[in-house]
């Protein structure tokens, strides 16, 4: 799983039928120190996350697991909203 911050949303009027009713959010990947890293991505959302929230997301085949038994075609899914993050570096 990966850390990210929700920075926007996306609206699609034409999409795969298995994506009907799914929310799309734009996520900026971040490091454990909350610094931006990599390109922004579009993720489906199963948590109800909102703009500015720190989240964790998954990608690839596992991204669809959050919607089982439905078959949602997705390559990235927000699977959790982070309330608190503690990073201890040695």
N, C-alpha and C. Protein backbone atom coordinates (compact mmCIF):
# COMPACT_ATOMS: atom_id res chain seq x y z
N UNK A 1 0.84 -1.17 0.00
CA UNK A 1 0.00 0.00 0.00
C UNK A 1 0.88 1.23 0.00
N UNK A 2 0.29 2.34 -0.44
CA UNK A 2 1.03 3.57 -0.63
C UNK A 2 0.32 4.72 0.06
N UNK A 3 1.09 5.73 0.49
CA UNK A 3 0.53 6.93 1.09
C UNK A 3 0.22 7.94 0.01
N UNK A 4 -0.81 8.75 0.24
CA UNK A 4 -1.15 9.81 -0.71
C UNK A 4 -2.03 10.85 -0.06
N UNK A 5 -2.25 11.94 -0.79
CA UNK A 5 -3.14 13.00 -0.34
C UNK A 5 -4.13 13.28 -1.47
N UNK A 6 -5.40 13.38 -1.13
CA UNK A 6 -6.43 13.67 -2.13
C UNK A 6 -6.32 15.14 -2.51
N UNK A 7 -6.14 15.41 -3.81
CA UNK A 7 -5.97 16.79 -4.27
C UNK A 7 -7.07 17.23 -5.23
N UNK A 8 -8.00 16.35 -5.56
CA UNK A 8 -9.07 16.74 -6.46
C UNK A 8 -9.98 15.57 -6.78
N UNK A 9 -10.95 15.84 -7.65
CA UNK A 9 -11.88 14.79 -8.07
C UNK A 9 -12.03 14.84 -9.59
N UNK A 10 -12.61 13.79 -10.12
CA UNK A 10 -12.76 13.65 -11.56
C UNK A 10 -14.17 13.19 -11.85
N UNK A 11 -14.79 13.76 -12.87
CA UNK A 11 -16.15 13.39 -13.25
C UNK A 11 -16.11 12.83 -14.66
N UNK A 12 -16.67 11.65 -14.87
CA UNK A 12 -16.71 11.00 -16.18
C UNK A 12 -18.15 10.72 -16.55
N UNK A 13 -18.57 11.17 -17.72
CA UNK A 13 -19.93 10.88 -18.17
C UNK A 13 -19.99 9.59 -18.97
N UNK A 14 -18.88 9.21 -19.59
CA UNK A 14 -18.82 7.96 -20.35
C UNK A 14 -17.70 7.12 -19.76
N UNK A 15 -18.03 5.89 -19.33
CA UNK A 15 -17.03 5.02 -18.71
C UNK A 15 -17.49 3.58 -18.81
N UNK A 16 -16.62 2.67 -18.44
CA UNK A 16 -16.95 1.24 -18.40
C UNK A 16 -18.17 1.04 -17.52
N UNK A 17 -19.07 0.17 -17.94
CA UNK A 17 -20.31 -0.07 -17.19
C UNK A 17 -20.04 -0.55 -15.77
N UNK A 18 -18.94 -1.25 -15.53
CA UNK A 18 -18.61 -1.74 -14.18
C UNK A 18 -18.14 -0.61 -13.26
N UNK A 19 -17.92 0.58 -13.80
CA UNK A 19 -17.50 1.72 -12.99
C UNK A 19 -18.66 2.64 -12.64
N UNK A 20 -19.86 2.29 -13.06
CA UNK A 20 -21.03 3.12 -12.76
C UNK A 20 -21.20 3.26 -11.25
N UNK A 21 -21.33 4.49 -10.80
CA UNK A 21 -21.53 4.75 -9.38
C UNK A 21 -20.24 4.90 -8.58
N UNK A 22 -19.10 4.69 -9.20
CA UNK A 22 -17.82 4.80 -8.49
C UNK A 22 -17.33 6.25 -8.49
N UNK A 23 -16.71 6.66 -7.39
CA UNK A 23 -16.10 7.99 -7.29
C UNK A 23 -14.66 7.90 -7.75
N UNK A 24 -14.21 8.93 -8.46
CA UNK A 24 -12.83 9.03 -8.89
C UNK A 24 -12.18 10.23 -8.21
N UNK A 25 -11.06 10.01 -7.54
CA UNK A 25 -10.34 11.09 -6.88
C UNK A 25 -8.92 11.16 -7.41
N UNK A 26 -8.38 12.37 -7.45
CA UNK A 26 -7.00 12.58 -7.88
C UNK A 26 -6.13 12.55 -6.64
N UNK A 27 -5.10 11.70 -6.67
CA UNK A 27 -4.23 11.47 -5.51
C UNK A 27 -2.79 11.85 -5.84
N UNK A 28 -2.17 12.61 -4.95
CA UNK A 28 -0.75 12.92 -5.04
C UNK A 28 -0.02 11.96 -4.10
N UNK A 29 0.80 11.04 -4.65
CA UNK A 29 1.57 10.16 -3.77
C UNK A 29 2.52 10.98 -2.88
N UNK A 30 2.70 10.55 -1.63
CA UNK A 30 3.59 11.24 -0.70
C UNK A 30 4.49 10.23 0.01
N UNK A 31 5.61 10.73 0.53
CA UNK A 31 6.52 9.91 1.32
C UNK A 31 5.99 9.83 2.75
N UNK A 32 6.56 8.96 3.60
CA UNK A 32 6.14 8.93 5.02
C UNK A 32 6.34 10.27 5.72
N UNK A 33 7.23 11.12 5.17
CA UNK A 33 7.44 12.46 5.73
C UNK A 33 6.48 13.47 5.13
N UNK A 34 5.53 13.00 4.31
CA UNK A 34 4.48 13.78 3.68
C UNK A 34 4.98 14.74 2.60
N UNK A 35 6.09 14.39 1.96
CA UNK A 35 6.59 15.17 0.83
C UNK A 35 6.09 14.54 -0.46
N UNK A 36 5.68 15.39 -1.41
CA UNK A 36 5.18 14.89 -2.69
C UNK A 36 6.23 14.04 -3.39
N UNK A 37 5.77 12.96 -4.01
CA UNK A 37 6.67 12.09 -4.77
C UNK A 37 5.90 11.51 -5.94
N UNK A 38 6.47 11.52 -7.10
CA UNK A 38 5.82 10.93 -8.27
C UNK A 38 4.69 11.76 -8.84
N UNK A 39 4.08 11.20 -9.87
CA UNK A 39 2.98 11.87 -10.58
C UNK A 39 1.65 11.61 -9.88
N UNK A 40 0.74 12.54 -10.07
CA UNK A 40 -0.61 12.36 -9.54
C UNK A 40 -1.31 11.25 -10.31
N UNK A 41 -2.20 10.55 -9.62
CA UNK A 41 -2.92 9.44 -10.24
C UNK A 41 -4.41 9.56 -9.94
N UNK A 42 -5.21 8.84 -10.71
CA UNK A 42 -6.66 8.79 -10.47
C UNK A 42 -6.97 7.46 -9.81
N UNK A 43 -7.68 7.52 -8.69
CA UNK A 43 -8.05 6.31 -7.95
C UNK A 43 -9.57 6.26 -7.75
N UNK A 44 -10.11 5.05 -7.75
CA UNK A 44 -11.48 4.88 -7.29
C UNK A 44 -11.44 4.99 -5.76
N UNK A 45 -12.59 5.20 -5.16
CA UNK A 45 -12.63 5.41 -3.71
C UNK A 45 -13.70 4.55 -3.07
N UNK A 46 -13.32 3.77 -2.07
CA UNK A 46 -14.30 2.96 -1.34
C UNK A 46 -14.46 3.44 0.09
N UNK A 47 -13.87 4.61 0.42
CA UNK A 47 -13.85 5.08 1.81
C UNK A 47 -14.65 6.34 2.07
N UNK A 48 -14.92 7.11 1.04
CA UNK A 48 -15.58 8.41 1.24
C UNK A 48 -14.58 9.51 1.55
N UNK A 49 -13.34 9.36 1.11
CA UNK A 49 -12.29 10.36 1.35
C UNK A 49 -12.65 11.68 0.67
N UNK A 50 -12.10 12.76 1.21
CA UNK A 50 -12.37 14.09 0.66
C UNK A 50 -11.08 14.84 0.39
N UNK A 51 -11.21 16.00 -0.20
CA UNK A 51 -10.06 16.82 -0.58
C UNK A 51 -9.19 17.14 0.63
N UNK A 52 -7.88 16.98 0.45
CA UNK A 52 -6.91 17.30 1.48
C UNK A 52 -6.63 16.18 2.46
N UNK A 53 -7.39 15.10 2.42
CA UNK A 53 -7.19 14.03 3.39
C UNK A 53 -5.99 13.15 3.03
N UNK A 54 -5.30 12.70 4.06
CA UNK A 54 -4.20 11.76 3.91
C UNK A 54 -4.80 10.37 3.84
N UNK A 55 -4.41 9.61 2.82
CA UNK A 55 -5.03 8.30 2.59
C UNK A 55 -3.95 7.26 2.30
N UNK A 56 -4.35 5.99 2.30
CA UNK A 56 -3.49 4.98 1.72
C UNK A 56 -4.26 4.29 0.61
N UNK A 57 -3.52 3.92 -0.41
CA UNK A 57 -4.13 3.37 -1.61
C UNK A 57 -3.33 2.18 -2.10
N UNK A 58 -3.97 1.38 -2.90
CA UNK A 58 -3.32 0.20 -3.46
C UNK A 58 -3.49 0.24 -4.97
N UNK A 59 -2.65 -0.50 -5.67
CA UNK A 59 -2.72 -0.49 -7.12
C UNK A 59 -2.65 -1.90 -7.67
N UNK A 60 -2.81 -2.00 -8.97
CA UNK A 60 -2.76 -3.26 -9.71
C UNK A 60 -4.00 -4.09 -9.41
N UNK A 61 -3.87 -5.39 -9.53
CA UNK A 61 -5.01 -6.30 -9.40
C UNK A 61 -5.70 -6.17 -8.05
N UNK A 62 -4.92 -5.96 -7.00
CA UNK A 62 -5.49 -5.86 -5.65
C UNK A 62 -6.41 -4.66 -5.48
N UNK A 63 -6.32 -3.67 -6.35
CA UNK A 63 -7.15 -2.47 -6.24
C UNK A 63 -8.63 -2.79 -6.38
N UNK A 64 -8.96 -3.86 -7.07
CA UNK A 64 -10.37 -4.22 -7.25
C UNK A 64 -10.94 -4.99 -6.06
N UNK A 65 -10.10 -5.51 -5.18
CA UNK A 65 -10.56 -6.33 -4.05
C UNK A 65 -11.50 -5.58 -3.11
N UNK A 66 -11.32 -4.28 -2.97
CA UNK A 66 -12.14 -3.50 -2.04
C UNK A 66 -13.62 -3.50 -2.42
N UNK A 67 -13.94 -3.84 -3.66
CA UNK A 67 -15.31 -3.77 -4.14
C UNK A 67 -15.97 -5.14 -4.30
N UNK A 68 -15.26 -6.21 -3.91
CA UNK A 68 -15.82 -7.56 -4.06
C UNK A 68 -17.14 -7.66 -3.31
N UNK A 69 -18.13 -8.35 -3.83
CA UNK A 69 -18.13 -9.27 -4.95
C UNK A 69 -18.32 -8.59 -6.31
N UNK A 70 -18.48 -7.25 -6.33
CA UNK A 70 -18.60 -6.56 -7.62
C UNK A 70 -17.28 -6.62 -8.36
N UNK A 71 -17.34 -6.59 -9.67
CA UNK A 71 -16.14 -6.60 -10.50
C UNK A 71 -15.89 -5.18 -11.02
N UNK A 72 -15.12 -4.41 -10.27
CA UNK A 72 -14.81 -3.04 -10.64
C UNK A 72 -13.46 -3.03 -11.36
N UNK A 73 -13.44 -2.41 -12.53
CA UNK A 73 -12.23 -2.33 -13.34
C UNK A 73 -11.44 -1.10 -12.88
N UNK A 74 -10.40 -1.32 -12.08
CA UNK A 74 -9.62 -0.19 -11.56
C UNK A 74 -8.16 -0.60 -11.39
N UNK A 75 -7.28 0.38 -11.50
CA UNK A 75 -5.86 0.13 -11.31
C UNK A 75 -5.34 0.80 -10.05
N UNK A 76 -6.19 1.60 -9.39
CA UNK A 76 -5.81 2.25 -8.15
C UNK A 76 -7.05 2.52 -7.31
N UNK A 77 -7.00 2.17 -6.03
CA UNK A 77 -8.16 2.36 -5.15
C UNK A 77 -7.71 2.90 -3.80
N UNK A 78 -8.42 3.92 -3.32
CA UNK A 78 -8.21 4.41 -1.96
C UNK A 78 -8.89 3.41 -1.03
N UNK A 79 -8.11 2.84 -0.10
CA UNK A 79 -8.66 1.81 0.79
C UNK A 79 -8.67 2.24 2.26
N UNK A 80 -8.15 3.42 2.57
CA UNK A 80 -8.17 3.87 3.96
C UNK A 80 -7.89 5.35 4.09
N UNK A 81 -8.45 5.95 5.13
CA UNK A 81 -8.18 7.35 5.47
C UNK A 81 -7.32 7.34 6.72
N UNK A 82 -6.21 8.05 6.69
CA UNK A 82 -5.26 8.05 7.81
C UNK A 82 -5.61 9.16 8.79
N UNK A 83 -5.81 8.78 10.04
CA UNK A 83 -6.11 9.76 11.09
C UNK A 83 -4.83 10.30 11.73
N UNK A 84 -3.84 9.42 11.89
CA UNK A 84 -2.61 9.82 12.56
C UNK A 84 -1.46 9.01 11.98
N UNK A 85 -0.30 9.65 11.81
CA UNK A 85 0.86 8.99 11.25
C UNK A 85 2.09 9.30 12.10
N UNK A 86 2.76 8.27 12.59
CA UNK A 86 3.98 8.41 13.36
C UNK A 86 5.10 7.75 12.60
N UNK A 87 6.18 8.49 12.34
CA UNK A 87 7.32 7.93 11.61
C UNK A 87 8.53 7.99 12.52
N UNK A 88 9.13 6.83 12.76
CA UNK A 88 10.32 6.77 13.61
C UNK A 88 11.47 6.29 12.74
N UNK A 89 12.44 7.14 12.54
CA UNK A 89 13.63 6.80 11.73
C UNK A 89 14.80 6.52 12.64
N UNK A 90 15.53 5.46 12.33
CA UNK A 90 16.67 5.04 13.15
C UNK A 90 17.84 5.83 12.91
